[in-house]
């Protein structure tokens, strides 16, 4: 089983998505996605997602909470672990994995993504757009 940790970072009513530079071998139709990184068994998902945003993207984020584990219909050998992240500071910088980034309204995600999305994530994005913010845990 391959495990990914994905971050849904929100700022001022928008969420961050990235477009992959190369075709993903595990999910070939995957283009636009929430930023993610593969994790190994012994690695902490929270540490990996924090490093991805802070070291790779130059952003300071706060991990609010774990949202959901999802196995995409495109590949049942992939487990995706989604976390809600709050943007604290910094702008996303260029990445070797992503050709571009976009801040979009949460419910626009379905227009960009070409792969399945869990019902829980869709419901979360609707809530996020309606409320204008995620569930903030200080």
Protein backbone atom coordinates (compact mmCIF):
# COMPACT_ATOMS: atom_id res chain seq x y z
CA UNK A 1 0.00 0.00 0.00
CA UNK A 2 1.31 3.45 -0.98
CA UNK A 3 0.45 6.26 1.45
CA UNK A 4 0.19 9.96 0.66
CA UNK A 5 -0.35 12.85 3.01
CA UNK A 6 -2.26 15.77 1.45
CA UNK A 7 -2.71 19.26 2.77
CA UNK A 8 -5.78 21.38 2.22
CA UNK A 9 -4.43 24.79 3.11
CA UNK A 10 -6.90 27.65 3.31
CA UNK A 11 -6.46 31.40 3.35
CA UNK A 12 -9.06 34.16 3.11
CA UNK A 13 -11.76 31.86 1.75
CA UNK A 14 -9.52 30.13 -0.80
CA UNK A 15 -7.71 26.78 -0.94
CA UNK A 16 -4.38 26.02 -2.58
CA UNK A 17 -4.08 23.49 -5.40
CA UNK A 18 -1.10 22.57 -7.56
CA UNK A 19 -0.69 21.20 -11.06
CA UNK A 20 1.77 18.31 -11.33
CA UNK A 21 4.67 18.70 -13.76
CA UNK A 22 4.69 15.03 -14.71
CA UNK A 23 2.12 12.30 -15.06
CA UNK A 24 1.64 10.42 -11.82
CA UNK A 25 2.42 6.71 -12.29
CA UNK A 26 -0.05 5.56 -9.62
CA UNK A 27 -2.96 7.73 -10.78
CA UNK A 28 -2.26 8.72 -14.41
CA UNK A 29 -5.27 11.09 -14.75
CA UNK A 30 -4.09 13.13 -11.74
CA UNK A 31 -3.17 16.69 -12.78
CA UNK A 32 -4.46 19.32 -10.36
CA UNK A 33 -4.37 18.20 -6.74
CA UNK A 34 -3.93 19.35 -3.19
CA UNK A 35 -0.20 19.34 -2.50
CA UNK A 36 0.88 15.88 -1.35
CA UNK A 37 3.89 13.80 -0.54
CA UNK A 38 4.37 10.05 -0.24
CA UNK A 39 5.10 8.80 3.27
CA UNK A 40 6.88 5.71 4.50
CA UNK A 41 5.59 3.53 7.35
CA UNK A 42 7.97 4.93 9.95
CA UNK A 43 7.36 8.59 9.02
CA UNK A 44 4.99 10.96 10.78
CA UNK A 45 2.32 12.26 8.36
CA UNK A 46 2.11 15.53 10.33
CA UNK A 47 5.87 16.08 10.09
CA UNK A 48 5.92 15.26 6.36
CA UNK A 49 3.08 17.68 5.51
CA UNK A 50 4.64 20.46 7.61
CA UNK A 51 8.02 19.95 5.87
CA UNK A 52 6.36 19.89 2.44
CA UNK A 53 4.79 23.30 2.92
CA UNK A 54 7.51 24.96 4.98
CA UNK A 55 10.70 23.60 3.38
CA UNK A 56 9.58 22.80 -0.17
CA UNK A 57 7.03 25.61 -0.69
CA UNK A 58 8.33 28.35 1.63
CA UNK A 59 5.05 28.74 3.50
CA UNK A 60 4.38 28.75 7.21
CA UNK A 61 1.27 26.71 8.00
CA UNK A 62 -0.56 25.47 11.05
CA UNK A 63 -1.95 21.94 11.10
CA UNK A 64 -5.50 22.23 12.36
CA UNK A 65 -6.68 18.63 12.17
CA UNK A 66 -6.78 15.33 10.35
CA UNK A 67 -9.78 15.24 8.00
CA UNK A 68 -10.12 11.83 6.38
CA UNK A 69 -8.39 8.79 4.92
CA UNK A 70 -9.43 8.06 1.36
CA UNK A 71 -8.69 5.28 -1.11
CA UNK A 72 -9.24 6.63 -4.64
CA UNK A 73 -11.24 4.52 -7.05
CA UNK A 74 -8.49 5.04 -9.66
CA UNK A 75 -6.03 2.96 -7.61
CA UNK A 76 -7.04 0.92 -4.53
CA UNK A 77 -3.35 0.55 -3.61
CA UNK A 78 -3.11 4.22 -2.64
CA UNK A 79 -4.21 5.62 0.73
CA UNK A 80 -4.58 9.40 0.94
CA UNK A 81 -4.51 11.10 4.35
CA UNK A 82 -5.97 14.61 4.24
CA UNK A 83 -5.15 17.33 6.77
CA UNK A 84 -6.70 20.76 7.20
CA UNK A 85 -3.99 23.42 7.23
CA UNK A 86 -4.20 27.11 7.95
CA UNK A 87 -1.97 29.51 6.02
CA UNK A 88 0.02 31.60 8.50
CA UNK A 89 2.60 33.39 6.32
CA UNK A 90 4.58 33.25 3.10
CA UNK A 91 3.78 32.76 -0.53
CA UNK A 92 4.13 29.45 -2.29
CA UNK A 93 7.34 29.23 -4.31
CA UNK A 94 8.17 27.23 -7.43
CA UNK A 95 8.48 23.50 -7.00
CA UNK A 96 10.14 20.68 -8.89
CA UNK A 97 6.94 18.59 -8.54
CA UNK A 98 4.36 21.25 -9.48
CA UNK A 99 4.32 23.46 -12.59
CA UNK A 100 1.88 25.96 -11.10
CA UNK A 101 -0.25 26.74 -8.08
CA UNK A 102 -3.64 28.42 -7.76
CA UNK A 103 -5.74 29.77 -4.89
CA UNK A 104 -9.34 28.89 -5.74
CA UNK A 105 -12.72 28.93 -4.03
CA UNK A 106 -13.20 25.58 -2.25
CA UNK A 107 -16.16 24.46 -4.37
CA UNK A 108 -14.17 25.11 -7.59
CA UNK A 109 -11.99 22.09 -6.80
CA UNK A 110 -14.33 19.77 -8.70
CA UNK A 111 -13.79 21.86 -11.86
CA UNK A 112 -10.01 21.39 -11.67
CA UNK A 113 -9.63 17.83 -10.40
CA UNK A 114 -9.80 15.03 -12.97
CA UNK A 115 -9.89 12.23 -10.39
CA UNK A 116 -12.26 11.07 -7.69
CA UNK A 117 -12.70 13.08 -4.50
CA UNK A 118 -14.12 11.67 -1.28
CA UNK A 119 -17.61 12.71 -0.19
CA UNK A 120 -16.14 13.88 3.12
CA UNK A 121 -13.73 16.22 1.32
CA UNK A 122 -16.53 17.58 -0.90
CA UNK A 123 -18.66 18.21 2.20
CA UNK A 124 -15.70 19.85 3.97
CA UNK A 125 -15.04 22.13 0.96
CA UNK A 126 -18.71 23.18 0.86
CA UNK A 127 -18.57 23.99 4.57
CA UNK A 128 -15.31 25.86 4.11
CA UNK A 129 -16.75 28.01 1.33
CA UNK A 130 -19.98 28.71 3.18
CA UNK A 131 -18.22 29.64 6.42
CA UNK A 132 -15.23 31.33 4.81
CA UNK A 133 -12.85 29.50 7.11
CA UNK A 134 -12.05 26.05 8.39
CA UNK A 135 -12.39 24.82 11.90
CA UNK A 136 -9.62 26.71 13.64
CA UNK A 137 -7.94 24.99 16.53
CA UNK A 138 -5.65 27.27 18.52
